[in-house]
Amino acid sequence: MIKSILREIDGMIERDPAARSRLEVALCYPSFHAIMVYRVANKLWGRGWRLFPRFISQVARWFTGIEMHPGATIGQKLFIDHGMGVVIGETAIIGVMLLYIMT
């Protein structure tokens, strides 16, 4: 779990030249906060929960201005710079490589 959190922070540092440290990202980046809440909500969503994941995603939206549906598919190291008003819906697929096998 710690490794995945550090991976998210490092991804933001790689993409934002203004990021000075891991601590700054963890404390001051709404994108990081929204993604961390999304990861928890998405795990619960995958286990069949519906109301609680939606509720915590709404709480994150109130605090960060970034709405991420817990049913969306989002890969690692997503960075949303100045994310106020960003909406990621349930059917969104971001940063995930999909392989289609033709039969």
PDB file of N, CA and C in Angstrom:
ATOM      1  N   MET A   1       0.818  -1.189   0.000  1.00  0.00           N
ATOM      2  CA  MET A   1       0.000   0.000   0.000  1.00  0.00           C
ATOM      3  C   MET A   1       0.866   1.260   0.000  1.00  0.00           C
ATOM      4  N   ILE A   2       1.883   1.294   0.837  1.00  0.00           N
ATOM      5  CA  ILE A   2       2.781   2.440   0.885  1.00  0.00           C
ATOM      6  C   ILE A   2       3.474   2.624  -0.467  1.00  0.00           C
ATOM      7  N   LYS A   3       3.877   1.508  -1.077  1.00  0.00           N
ATOM      8  CA  LYS A   3       4.541   1.594  -2.380  1.00  0.00           C
ATOM      9  C   LYS A   3       3.620   2.203  -3.433  1.00  0.00           C
ATOM     10  N   SER A   4       2.341   1.826  -3.414  1.00  0.00           N
ATOM     11  CA  SER A   4       1.422   2.379  -4.410  1.00  0.00           C
ATOM     12  C   SER A   4       1.174   3.869  -4.171  1.00  0.00           C
ATOM     13  N   ILE A   5       1.131   4.289  -2.906  1.00  0.00           N
ATOM     14  CA  ILE A   5       0.968   5.713  -2.599  1.00  0.00           C
ATOM     15  C   ILE A   5       2.198   6.490  -3.068  1.00  0.00           C
ATOM     16  N   LEU A   6       3.374   5.963  -2.791  1.00  0.00           N
ATOM     17  CA  LEU A   6       4.602   6.618  -3.240  1.00  0.00           C
ATOM     18  C   LEU A   6       4.682   6.661  -4.762  1.00  0.00           C
ATOM     19  N   ARG A   7       4.200   5.616  -5.429  1.00  0.00           N
ATOM     20  CA  ARG A   7       4.180   5.582  -6.891  1.00  0.00           C
ATOM     21  C   ARG A   7       3.285   6.699  -7.439  1.00  0.00           C
ATOM     22  N   GLU A   8       2.124   6.909  -6.799  1.00  0.00           N
ATOM     23  CA  GLU A   8       1.228   7.995  -7.218  1.00  0.00           C
ATOM     24  C   GLU A   8       1.903   9.352  -7.025  1.00  0.00           C
ATOM     25  N   ILE A   9       2.534   9.541  -5.879  1.00  0.00           N
ATOM     26  CA  ILE A   9       3.215  10.810  -5.606  1.00  0.00           C
ATOM     27  C   ILE A   9       4.354  11.026  -6.594  1.00  0.00           C
ATOM     28  N   ASP A  10       5.155   9.998  -6.818  1.00  0.00           N
ATOM     29  CA  ASP A  10       6.274  10.124  -7.750  1.00  0.00           C
ATOM     30  C   ASP A  10       5.795  10.420  -9.170  1.00  0.00           C
ATOM     31  N   GLY A  11       4.661   9.849  -9.550  1.00  0.00           N
ATOM     32  CA  GLY A  11       4.090  10.147 -10.863  1.00  0.00           C
ATOM     33  C   GLY A  11       3.727  11.617 -10.997  1.00  0.00           C
ATOM     34  N   MET A  12       3.217  12.198  -9.922  1.00  0.00           N
ATOM     35  CA  MET A  12       2.882  13.629  -9.944  1.00  0.00           C
ATOM     36  C   MET A  12       4.136  14.484  -9.994  1.00  0.00           C
ATOM     37  N   ILE A  13       5.157  14.081  -9.250  1.00  0.00           N
ATOM     38  CA  ILE A  13       6.412  14.823  -9.275  1.00  0.00           C
ATOM     39  C   ILE A  13       7.048  14.763 -10.664  1.00  0.00           C
ATOM     40  N   GLU A  14       6.954  13.618 -11.333  1.00  0.00           N
ATOM     41  CA  GLU A  14       7.495  13.475 -12.687  1.00  0.00           C
ATOM     42  C   GLU A  14       6.793  14.405 -13.672  1.00  0.00           C
ATOM     43  N   ARG A  15       5.494  14.628 -13.474  1.00  0.00           N
ATOM     44  CA  ARG A  15       4.703  15.391 -14.440  1.00  0.00           C
ATOM     45  C   ARG A  15       4.550  16.871 -14.102  1.00  0.00           C
ATOM     46  N   ASP A  16       4.912  17.267 -12.898  1.00  0.00           N
ATOM     47  CA  ASP A  16       4.746  18.658 -12.488  1.00  0.00           C
ATOM     48  C   ASP A  16       6.079  19.247 -12.048  1.00  0.00           C
ATOM     49  N   PRO A  17       6.667  20.111 -12.872  1.00  0.00           N
ATOM     50  CA  PRO A  17       7.960  20.693 -12.505  1.00  0.00           C
ATOM     51  C   PRO A  17       7.877  21.591 -11.264  1.00  0.00           C
ATOM     52  N   ALA A  18       6.680  22.006 -10.873  1.00  0.00           N
ATOM     53  CA  ALA A  18       6.530  22.851  -9.686  1.00  0.00           C
ATOM     54  C   ALA A  18       6.531  22.046  -8.391  1.00  0.00           C
ATOM     55  N   ALA A  19       6.369  20.732  -8.470  1.00  0.00           N
ATOM     56  CA  ALA A  19       6.350  19.886  -7.269  1.00  0.00           C
ATOM     57  C   ALA A  19       7.762  19.786  -6.707  1.00  0.00           C
ATOM     58  N   ARG A  20       7.906  20.120  -5.441  1.00  0.00           N
ATOM     59  CA  ARG A  20       9.228  20.164  -4.827  1.00  0.00           C
ATOM     60  C   ARG A  20       9.558  18.935  -3.989  1.00  0.00           C
ATOM     61  N   SER A  21       8.519  18.294  -3.437  1.00  0.00           N
ATOM     62  CA  SER A  21       8.797  17.148  -2.575  1.00  0.00           C
ATOM     63  C   SER A  21       7.568  16.254  -2.464  1.00  0.00           C
ATOM     64  N   ARG A  22       7.788  15.059  -1.993  1.00  0.00           N
ATOM     65  CA  ARG A  22       6.679  14.135  -1.754  1.00  0.00           C
ATOM     66  C   ARG A  22       5.728  14.690  -0.703  1.00  0.00           C
ATOM     67  N   LEU A  23       6.296  15.311   0.315  1.00  0.00           N
ATOM     68  CA  LEU A  23       5.465  15.864   1.379  1.00  0.00           C
ATOM     69  C   LEU A  23       4.555  16.975   0.841  1.00  0.00           C
ATOM     70  N   GLU A  24       5.101  17.826  -0.006  1.00  0.00           N
ATOM     71  CA  GLU A  24       4.287  18.892  -0.597  1.00  0.00           C
ATOM     72  C   GLU A  24       3.127  18.315  -1.400  1.00  0.00           C
ATOM     73  N   VAL A  25       3.392  17.304  -2.203  1.00  0.00           N
ATOM     74  CA  VAL A  25       2.335  16.670  -2.995  1.00  0.00           C
ATOM     75  C   VAL A  25       1.283  16.059  -2.068  1.00  0.00           C
ATOM     76  N   ALA A  26       1.716  15.339  -1.061  1.00  0.00           N
ATOM     77  CA  ALA A  26       0.774  14.670  -0.152  1.00  0.00           C
ATOM     78  C   ALA A  26      -0.092  15.657   0.623  1.00  0.00           C
ATOM     79  N   LEU A  27       0.461  16.799   0.957  1.00  0.00           N
ATOM     80  CA  LEU A  27      -0.289  17.765   1.761  1.00  0.00           C
ATOM     81  C   LEU A  27      -1.076  18.787   0.946  1.00  0.00           C
ATOM     82  N   CYS A  28      -0.588  19.142  -0.240  1.00  0.00           N
ATOM     83  CA  CYS A  28      -1.113  20.322  -0.930  1.00  0.00           C
ATOM     84  C   CYS A  28      -1.738  20.070  -2.299  1.00  0.00           C
ATOM     85  N   TYR A  29      -1.737  18.865  -2.797  1.00  0.00           N
ATOM     86  CA  TYR A  29      -2.239  18.616  -4.142  1.00  0.00           C
ATOM     87  C   TYR A  29      -3.626  17.976  -4.100  1.00  0.00           C
ATOM     88  N   PRO A  30      -4.669  18.722  -4.476  1.00  0.00           N
ATOM     89  CA  PRO A  30      -6.020  18.153  -4.501  1.00  0.00           C
ATOM     90  C   PRO A  30      -6.124  16.920  -5.398  1.00  0.00           C
ATOM     91  N   SER A  31      -5.344  16.901  -6.463  1.00  0.00           N
ATOM     92  CA  SER A  31      -5.339  15.739  -7.358  1.00  0.00           C
ATOM     93  C   SER A  31      -4.937  14.480  -6.596  1.00  0.00           C
ATOM     94  N   PHE A  32      -3.931  14.588  -5.753  1.00  0.00           N
ATOM     95  CA  PHE A  32      -3.486  13.443  -4.953  1.00  0.00           C
ATOM     96  C   PHE A  32      -4.593  12.991  -4.010  1.00  0.00           C
ATOM     97  N   HIS A  33      -5.222  13.942  -3.332  1.00  0.00           N
ATOM     98  CA  HIS A  33      -6.291  13.602  -2.390  1.00  0.00           C
ATOM     99  C   HIS A  33      -7.453  12.913  -3.115  1.00  0.00           C
ATOM    100  N   ALA A  34      -7.850  13.458  -4.262  1.00  0.00           N
ATOM    101  CA  ALA A  34      -8.958  12.868  -5.027  1.00  0.00           C
ATOM    102  C   ALA A  34      -8.620  11.449  -5.474  1.00  0.00           C
ATOM    103  N   ILE A  35      -7.394  11.240  -5.916  1.00  0.00           N
ATOM    104  CA  ILE A  35      -6.999   9.910  -6.389  1.00  0.00           C
ATOM    105  C   ILE A  35      -6.938   8.909  -5.237  1.00  0.00           C
ATOM    106  N   MET A  36      -6.458   9.330  -4.085  1.00  0.00           N
ATOM    107  CA  MET A  36      -6.409   8.423  -2.938  1.00  0.00           C
ATOM    108  C   MET A  36      -7.820   8.002  -2.514  1.00  0.00           C
ATOM    109  N   VAL A  37      -8.735   8.950  -2.480  1.00  0.00           N
ATOM    110  CA  VAL A  37     -10.125   8.603  -2.139  1.00  0.00           C
ATOM    111  C   VAL A  37     -10.711   7.710  -3.223  1.00  0.00           C
ATOM    112  N   TYR A  38     -10.431   8.028  -4.503  1.00  0.00           N
ATOM    113  CA  TYR A  38     -10.913   7.184  -5.598  1.00  0.00           C
ATOM    114  C   TYR A  38     -10.420   5.744  -5.429  1.00  0.00           C
ATOM    115  N   ARG A  39      -9.156   5.556  -5.078  1.00  0.00           N
ATOM    116  CA  ARG A  39      -8.607   4.191  -4.950  1.00  0.00           C
ATOM    117  C   ARG A  39      -9.368   3.391  -3.881  1.00  0.00           C
ATOM    118  N   VAL A  40      -9.678   4.023  -2.764  1.00  0.00           N
ATOM    119  CA  VAL A  40     -10.449   3.346  -1.711  1.00  0.00           C
ATOM    120  C   VAL A  40     -11.863   3.059  -2.208  1.00  0.00           C
ATOM    121  N   ALA A  41     -12.515   4.061  -2.784  1.00  0.00           N
ATOM    122  CA  ALA A  41     -13.887   3.902  -3.273  1.00  0.00           C
ATOM    123  C   ALA A  41     -13.962   2.842  -4.367  1.00  0.00           C
ATOM    124  N   ASN A  42     -12.954   2.809  -5.240  1.00  0.00           N
ATOM    125  CA  ASN A  42     -12.933   1.833  -6.329  1.00  0.00           C
ATOM    126  C   ASN A  42     -12.805   0.410  -5.809  1.00  0.00           C
ATOM    127  N   LYS A  43     -12.001   0.217  -4.770  1.00  0.00           N
ATOM    128  CA  LYS A  43     -11.878  -1.124  -4.152  1.00  0.00           C
ATOM    129  C   LYS A  43     -13.231  -1.574  -3.600  1.00  0.00           C
ATOM    130  N   LEU A  44     -13.910  -0.675  -2.904  1.00  0.00           N
ATOM    131  CA  LEU A  44     -15.229  -1.009  -2.352  1.00  0.00           C
ATOM    132  C   LEU A  44     -16.236  -1.269  -3.469  1.00  0.00           C
ATOM    133  N   TRP A  45     -16.186  -0.460  -4.525  1.00  0.00           N
ATOM    134  CA  TRP A  45     -17.082  -0.618  -5.672  1.00  0.00           C
ATOM    135  C   TRP A  45     -16.883  -2.009  -6.293  1.00  0.00           C
ATOM    136  N   GLY A  46     -15.627  -2.413  -6.413  1.00  0.00           N
ATOM    137  CA  GLY A  46     -15.313  -3.724  -6.981  1.00  0.00           C
ATOM    138  C   GLY A  46     -15.793  -4.881  -6.130  1.00  0.00           C
ATOM    139  N   ARG A  47     -16.021  -4.637  -4.855  1.00  0.00           N
ATOM    140  CA  ARG A  47     -16.542  -5.672  -3.952  1.00  0.00           C
ATOM    141  C   ARG A  47     -18.058  -5.646  -3.858  1.00  0.00           C
ATOM    142  N   GLY A  48     -18.680  -4.834  -4.720  1.00  0.00           N
ATOM    143  CA  GLY A  48     -20.140  -4.837  -4.769  1.00  0.00           C
ATOM    144  C   GLY A  48     -20.828  -3.761  -3.946  1.00  0.00           C
ATOM    145  N   TRP A  49     -20.062  -2.973  -3.217  1.00  0.00           N
ATOM    146  CA  TRP A  49     -20.661  -1.871  -2.473  1.00  0.00           C
ATOM    147  C   TRP A  49     -21.024  -0.784  -3.477  1.00  0.00           C
ATOM    148  N   ARG A  50     -22.087  -0.042  -3.223  1.00  0.00           N
ATOM    149  CA  ARG A  50     -22.472   1.022  -4.150  1.00  0.00           C
ATOM    150  C   ARG A  50     -22.646   2.372  -3.460  1.00  0.00           C
ATOM    151  N   LEU A  51     -23.429   2.437  -2.398  1.00  0.00           N
ATOM    152  CA  LEU A  51     -23.739   3.726  -1.782  1.00  0.00           C
ATOM    153  C   LEU A  51     -22.526   4.358  -1.095  1.00  0.00           C
ATOM    154  N   PHE A  52     -21.825   3.618  -0.253  1.00  0.00           N
ATOM    155  CA  PHE A  52     -20.707   4.197   0.482  1.00  0.00           C
ATOM    156  C   PHE A  52     -19.593   4.699  -0.440  1.00  0.00           C
ATOM    157  N   PRO A  53     -19.186   3.937  -1.457  1.00  0.00           N
ATOM    158  CA  PRO A  53     -18.170   4.475  -2.376  1.00  0.00           C
ATOM    159  C   PRO A  53     -18.624   5.754  -3.076  1.00  0.00           C
ATOM    160  N   ARG A  54     -19.893   5.814  -3.465  1.00  0.00           N
ATOM    161  CA  ARG A  54     -20.409   7.045  -4.090  1.00  0.00           C
ATOM    162  C   ARG A  54     -20.377   8.198  -3.102  1.00  0.00           C
ATOM    163  N   PHE A  55     -20.717   7.928  -1.847  1.00  0.00           N
ATOM    164  CA  PHE A  55     -20.719   8.972  -0.832  1.00  0.00           C
ATOM    165  C   PHE A  55     -19.317   9.522  -0.598  1.00  0.00           C
ATOM    166  N   ILE A  56     -18.334   8.645  -0.417  1.00  0.00           N
ATOM    167  CA  ILE A  56     -16.989   9.156  -0.152  1.00  0.00           C
ATOM    168  C   ILE A  56     -16.402   9.851  -1.381  1.00  0.00           C
ATOM    169  N   SER A  57     -16.800   9.442  -2.577  1.00  0.00           N
ATOM    170  CA  SER A  57     -16.334  10.157  -3.764  1.00  0.00           C
ATOM    171  C   SER A  57     -16.947  11.559  -3.820  1.00  0.00           C
ATOM    172  N   GLN A  58     -18.181  11.708  -3.336  1.00  0.00           N
ATOM    173  CA  GLN A  58     -18.802  13.032  -3.281  1.00  0.00           C
ATOM    174  C   GLN A  58     -18.140  13.913  -2.233  1.00  0.00           C
ATOM    175  N   VAL A  59     -17.772  13.334  -1.109  1.00  0.00           N
ATOM    176  CA  VAL A  59     -17.053  14.102  -0.084  1.00  0.00           C
ATOM    177  C   VAL A  59     -15.727  14.604  -0.659  1.00  0.00           C
ATOM    178  N   ALA A  60     -15.023  13.746  -1.382  1.00  0.00           N
ATOM    179  CA  ALA A  60     -13.767  14.154  -2.014  1.00  0.00           C
ATOM    180  C   ALA A  60     -14.015  15.275  -3.024  1.00  0.00           C
ATOM    181  N   ARG A  61     -15.125  15.195  -3.751  1.00  0.00           N
ATOM    182  CA  ARG A  61     -15.460  16.242  -4.717  1.00  0.00           C
ATOM    183  C   ARG A  61     -15.675  17.578  -4.008  1.00  0.00           C
ATOM    184  N   TRP A  62     -16.359  17.555  -2.865  1.00  0.00           N
ATOM    185  CA  TRP A  62     -16.589  18.796  -2.117  1.00  0.00           C
ATOM    186  C   TRP A  62     -15.271  19.434  -1.697  1.00  0.00           C
ATOM    187  N   PHE A  63     -14.308  18.604  -1.309  1.00  0.00           N
ATOM    188  CA  PHE A  63     -13.038  19.127  -0.815  1.00  0.00           C
ATOM    189  C   PHE A  63     -12.049  19.469  -1.921  1.00  0.00           C
ATOM    190  N   THR A  64     -12.077  18.734  -3.031  1.00  0.00           N
ATOM    191  CA  THR A  64     -11.048  18.904  -4.061  1.00  0.00           C
ATOM    192  C   THR A  64     -11.549  19.561  -5.340  1.00  0.00           C
ATOM    193  N   GLY A  65     -12.849  19.503  -5.596  1.00  0.00           N
ATOM    194  CA  GLY A  65     -13.372  20.006  -6.865  1.00  0.00           C
ATOM    195  C   GLY A  65     -13.203  19.021  -8.006  1.00  0.00           C
ATOM    196  N   ILE A  66     -12.717  17.825  -7.700  1.00  0.00           N
ATOM    197  CA  ILE A  66     -12.495  16.783  -8.711  1.00  0.00           C
ATOM    198  C   ILE A  66     -13.440  15.635  -8.415  1.00  0.00           C
ATOM    199  N   GLU A  67     -14.277  15.299  -9.400  1.00  0.00           N
ATOM    200  CA  GLU A  67     -15.234  14.209  -9.214  1.00  0.00           C
ATOM    201  C   GLU A  67     -14.761  12.980  -9.984  1.00  0.00           C
ATOM    202  N   MET A  68     -14.562  11.896  -9.265  1.00  0.00           N
ATOM    203  CA  MET A  68     -14.129  10.639  -9.874  1.00  0.00           C
ATOM    204  C   MET A  68     -15.098   9.544  -9.438  1.00  0.00           C
ATOM    205  N   HIS A  69     -15.844   9.020 -10.379  1.00  0.00           N
ATOM    206  CA  HIS A  69     -16.792   7.958 -10.055  1.00  0.00           C
ATOM    207  C   HIS A  69     -16.024   6.717  -9.632  1.00  0.00           C
ATOM    208  N   PRO A  70     -16.453   6.057  -8.555  1.00  0.00           N
ATOM    209  CA  PRO A  70     -15.723   4.877  -8.083  1.00  0.00           C
ATOM    210  C   PRO A  70     -15.745   3.710  -9.062  1.00  0.00           C
ATOM    211  N   GLY A  71     -16.634   3.731 -10.026  1.00  0.00           N
ATOM    212  CA  GLY A  71     -16.679   2.661 -11.018  1.00  0.00           C
ATOM    213  C   GLY A  71     -15.796   2.909 -12.229  1.00  0.00           C
ATOM    214  N   ALA A  72     -15.176   4.081 -12.316  1.00  0.00           N
ATOM    215  CA  ALA A  72     -14.275   4.387 -13.437  1.00  0.00           C
ATOM    216  C   ALA A  72     -13.028   3.505 -13.350  1.00  0.00           C
ATOM    217  N   THR A  73     -12.362   3.334 -14.477  1.00  0.00           N
ATOM    218  CA  THR A  73     -11.125   2.564 -14.528  1.00  0.00           C
ATOM    219  C   THR A  73      -9.984   3.547 -14.744  1.00  0.00           C
ATOM    220  N   ILE A  74      -9.139   3.681 -13.735  1.00  0.00           N
ATOM    221  CA  ILE A  74      -8.051   4.657 -13.783  1.00  0.00           C
ATOM    222  C   ILE A  74      -6.747   3.953 -13.442  1.00  0.00           C
ATOM    223  N   GLY A  75      -5.773   4.080 -14.323  1.00  0.00           N
ATOM    224  CA  GLY A  75      -4.460   3.468 -14.104  1.00  0.00           C
ATOM    225  C   GLY A  75      -3.634   4.227 -13.087  1.00  0.00           C
ATOM    226  N   GLN A  76      -2.398   3.816 -12.942  1.00  0.00           N
ATOM    227  CA  GLN A  76      -1.478   4.414 -11.976  1.00  0.00           C
ATOM    228  C   GLN A  76      -0.913   5.726 -12.512  1.00  0.00           C
ATOM    229  N   LYS A  77      -0.430   6.546 -11.599  1.00  0.00           N
ATOM    230  CA  LYS A  77       0.306   7.778 -11.881  1.00  0.00           C
ATOM    231  C   LYS A  77      -0.510   8.835 -12.628  1.00  0.00           C
ATOM    232  N   LEU A  78      -1.804   8.887 -12.410  1.00  0.00           N
ATOM    233  CA  LEU A  78      -2.613   9.946 -13.014  1.00  0.00           C
ATOM    234  C   LEU A  78      -2.284  11.262 -12.322  1.00  0.00           C
ATOM    235  N   PHE A  79      -2.126  12.326 -13.108  1.00  0.00           N
ATOM    236  CA  PHE A  79      -1.902  13.655 -12.543  1.00  0.00           C
ATOM    237  C   PHE A  79      -2.886  14.622 -13.186  1.00  0.00           C
ATOM    238  N   ILE A  80      -3.659  15.298 -12.363  1.00  0.00           N
ATOM    239  CA  ILE A  80      -4.603  16.293 -12.836  1.00  0.00           C
ATOM    240  C   ILE A  80      -4.134  17.637 -12.272  1.00  0.00           C
ATOM    241  N   ASP A  81      -3.570  18.464 -13.133  1.00  0.00           N
ATOM    242  CA  ASP A  81      -3.083  19.767 -12.697  1.00  0.00           C
ATOM    243  C   ASP A  81      -4.234  20.761 -12.726  1.00  0.00           C
ATOM    244  N   HIS A  82      -4.419  21.499 -11.655  1.00  0.00           N
ATOM    245  CA  HIS A  82      -5.497  22.498 -11.564  1.00  0.00           C
ATOM    246  C   HIS A  82      -6.832  21.856 -11.919  1.00  0.00           C
ATOM    247  N   GLY A  83      -7.238  20.867 -11.152  1.00  0.00           N
ATOM    248  CA  GLY A  83      -8.356  19.995 -11.492  1.00  0.00           C
ATOM    249  C   GLY A  83      -9.740  20.481 -11.142  1.00  0.00           C
ATOM    250  N   MET A  84      -9.906  21.699 -10.668  1.00  0.00           N
ATOM    251  CA  MET A  84     -11.245  22.169 -10.284  1.00  0.00           C
ATOM    252  C   MET A  84     -12.227  21.975 -11.441  1.00  0.00           C
ATOM    253  N   GLY A  85     -13.277  21.244 -11.171  1.00  0.00           N
ATOM    254  CA  GLY A  85     -14.316  21.020 -12.170  1.00  0.00           C
ATOM    255  C   GLY A  85     -14.115  19.795 -13.047  1.00  0.00           C
ATOM    256  N   VAL A  86     -13.059  19.034 -12.832  1.00  0.00           N
ATOM    257  CA  VAL A  86     -12.829  17.817 -13.609  1.00  0.00           C
ATOM    258  C   VAL A  86     -13.832  16.757 -13.167  1.00  0.00           C
ATOM    259  N   VAL A  87     -14.465  16.106 -14.139  1.00  0.00           N
ATOM    260  CA  VAL A  87     -15.408  15.028 -13.859  1.00  0.00           C
ATOM    261  C   VAL A  87     -14.970  13.795 -14.645  1.00  0.00           C
ATOM    262  N   ILE A  88     -14.798  12.680 -13.933  1.00  0.00           N
ATOM    263  CA  ILE A  88     -14.466  11.402 -14.553  1.00  0.00           C
ATOM    264  C   ILE A  88     -15.614  10.464 -14.244  1.00  0.00           C
ATOM    265  N   GLY A  89     -16.346  10.083 -15.278  1.00  0.00           N
ATOM    266  CA  GLY A  89     -17.551   9.284 -15.110  1.00  0.00           C
ATOM    267  C   GLY A  89     -17.292   7.793 -14.966  1.00  0.00           C
ATOM    268  N   GLU A  90     -18.363   7.081 -14.679  1.00  0.00           N
ATOM    269  CA  GLU A  90     -18.281   5.644 -14.413  1.00  0.00           C
ATOM    270  C   GLU A  90     -17.719   4.853 -15.582  1.00  0.00           C
ATOM    271  N   THR A  91     -17.990   5.254 -16.798  1.00  0.00           N
ATOM    272  CA  THR A  91     -17.545   4.483 -17.962  1.00  0.00           C
ATOM    273  C   THR A  91     -16.170   4.905 -18.475  1.00  0.00           C
ATOM    274  N   ALA A  92     -15.527   5.852 -17.811  1.00  0.00           N
ATOM    275  CA  ALA A  92     -14.208   6.325 -18.249  1.00  0.00           C
ATOM    276  C   ALA A  92     -13.144   5.256 -18.037  1.00  0.00           C
ATOM    277  N   ILE A  93     -12.210   5.206 -18.982  1.00  0.00           N
ATOM    278  CA  ILE A  93     -11.032   4.341 -18.872  1.00  0.00           C
ATOM    279  C   ILE A  93      -9.829   5.231 -19.140  1.00  0.00           C
ATOM    280  N   ILE A  94      -8.995   5.430 -18.121  1.00  0.00           N
ATOM    281  CA  ILE A  94      -7.875   6.367 -18.214  1.00  0.00           C
ATOM    282  C   ILE A  94      -6.581   5.660 -17.848  1.00  0.00           C
ATOM    283  N   GLY A  95      -5.604   5.752 -18.732  1.00  0.00           N
ATOM    284  CA  GLY A  95      -4.272   5.252 -18.417  1.00  0.00           C
ATOM    285  C   GLY A  95      -4.183   3.756 -18.200  1.00  0.00           C
ATOM    286  N   VAL A  96      -5.055   3.016 -18.853  1.00  0.00           N
ATOM    287  CA  VAL A  96      -5.044   1.559 -18.722  1.00  0.00           C
ATOM    288  C   VAL A  96      -4.914   0.984 -20.121  1.00  0.00           C
ATOM    289  N   MET A  97      -3.924   0.137 -20.298  1.00  0.00           N
ATOM    290  CA  MET A  97      -3.732  -0.480 -21.597  1.00  0.00           C
ATOM    291  C   MET A  97      -4.674  -1.668 -21.732  1.00  0.00           C
ATOM    292  N   LEU A  98      -5.479  -1.646 -22.754  1.00  0.00           N
ATOM    293  CA  LEU A  98      -6.420  -2.737 -23.000  1.00  0.00           C
ATOM    294  C   LEU A  98      -5.977  -3.536 -24.215  1.00  0.00           C
ATOM    295  N   LEU A  99      -6.044  -4.820 -24.093  1.00  0.00           N
ATOM    296  CA  LEU A  99      -5.704  -5.692 -25.223  1.00  0.00           C
ATOM    297  C   LEU A  99      -6.974  -6.378 -25.703  1.00  0.00           C
ATOM    298  N   TYR A 100      -7.246  -6.236 -26.961  1.00  0.00           N
ATOM    299  CA  TYR A 100      -8.390  -6.896 -27.553  1.00  0.00           C
ATOM    300  C   TYR A 100      -7.900  -8.043 -28.423  1.00  0.00           C
ATOM    301  N   ILE A 101      -8.449  -9.202 -28.188  1.00  0.00           N
ATOM    302  CA  ILE A 101      -8.076 -10.368 -28.978  1.00  0.00           C
ATOM    303  C   ILE A 101      -9.210 -10.664 -29.937  1.00  0.00           C
ATOM    304  N   MET A 102      -8.910 -10.611 -31.192  1.00  0.00           N
ATOM    305  CA  MET A 102      -9.924 -10.877 -32.213  1.00  0.00           C
ATOM    306  C   MET A 102     -10.050 -12.393 -32.392  1.00  0.00           C
ATOM    307  N   THR A 103     -11.269 -12.877 -32.377  1.00  0.00           N
ATOM    308  CA  THR A 103     -11.468 -14.311 -32.607  1.00  0.00           C
ATOM    309  C   THR A 103     -12.257 -14.543 -33.848  1.00  0.00           C
TER     310      THR A 103
END
